Amino acid sequence: MAAFPEGTPCWVDAALPDVEAGKRFYGELFGWTFQQQGDGPYADVFSDGKLVAALAPKTDGRMPTVWGVYFATPDAAVLAGRITAAGGQVIVPPNPVGFPGASGIAATAADPGGAVFGLWEAGDRAGFEKQGKPGSYCWAEVYTRDKERADPFYETVFGYTGTDLEDDSVDFRLWSPRGAEPGEETAIGGRSVITDAFPAEMPDHFLIYFCVDDCDEAAAAVTRLDGRVQAPPFDTPYGRIAVLTDNQGATFAVLAEPETEADDEIAAKEAEDAAK
C-alpha cells in the first residue's frame, strides 16, 4: 500500500478507559468490527473488512479520553524537528510501532496552542484502507483560540496552502497539501476558532469526523447508547453534521454528505429494477 502524502491525515484512534466498552458502542453505532493486535489491548477497527481506525486503552487515567488524528510523513524525525522550530512541542518522540517495529514510526506532538496530533511514518501499514465513505474517517479540523499562531504553524510545518471561507459569519480556513491548488476540491482539513460560544475551559483540540448515511439516525443512536449530543444535526453546504460524545467521553463528529444527481439516478434505477 502506498504511503500518504506528507501532511495528509492517514489514521485516527481513540484513547479510552475501556476498550471493550468502546467496541460495543462503536460496533453498534458504525457497524465496525474489531481485531486485537497480537496479545495487546490495542484493537484495530474495520469497516467492510477494511482498516479505518483503532481503539487504544489509556495508559494513565489523567490522560484525556479523545479521538486523535495522525498526519503522514516520510520522516517523522525530520518533521518533529520542524514542529519544534515552528513553536510546537514533541510530546512523544518518534518510536517504532509493531514487532519488530515493522508497522511504522509514530510520534505525538502539539501545536503552539496545545492541540495534540500524531505523526505517522509508514512501514508495513500506510494508514486508512477506507475513508470518505460511511463508517470511516472523512475530515479533521483544529479548533484554536489563537489563529495568528495556528495558521503559520501548520502552513510552515506541513507546507499547507490556506483558503479562508467566503462566509463572513464563520472564521474557518481550509488547508490543502503542499503543491496542490488551494481550495475546497483539494482541502484535507481545516482550522476553526474557539469563540465565546464555547465553554471557557475548552482547550485547543482536533475534531475528527466520520461519514454516515444518516446524521439524524447516528445522533439518535448515540443517545440510545448512553452517549451525548453536543451539537444536534444541522445542515451545511457540505452535508448534515452533528457533534457527538461517546459513553466514555470522547467527542467526534458525523457527516452525511448531500446526495448528488448521480446518487439520485442510482436510487431511481434501483427502484425501477425492484418494481420489475
Foldseek 3Di string as FASTA:
>chain_A
DDADPFFFWFAKEWAFQDVVLVCVQLCVLQVWDWDDDPPDPKIFIDDPRWTAYIYHYDPDPVDDGAMAIEGEDQDQQVLQVLQVVLQKAWPAGWDQDDVVSQQWIKTWIAHNQGAIHMYTNGGPHRGTPDAPARSHWDEKEKEAACCVSVVVSSCRSFVWDWDFDPPPVFGKIFTAGHPDDDDDVRGRYIYGYDDPVDDPPDGIYMAIEHEHQDQQVSQVSQVVQQWHWPAHWDADQQAIKTWIAHNRGYIHMYGNGDDDVVNVVVVVVVVVVVVD
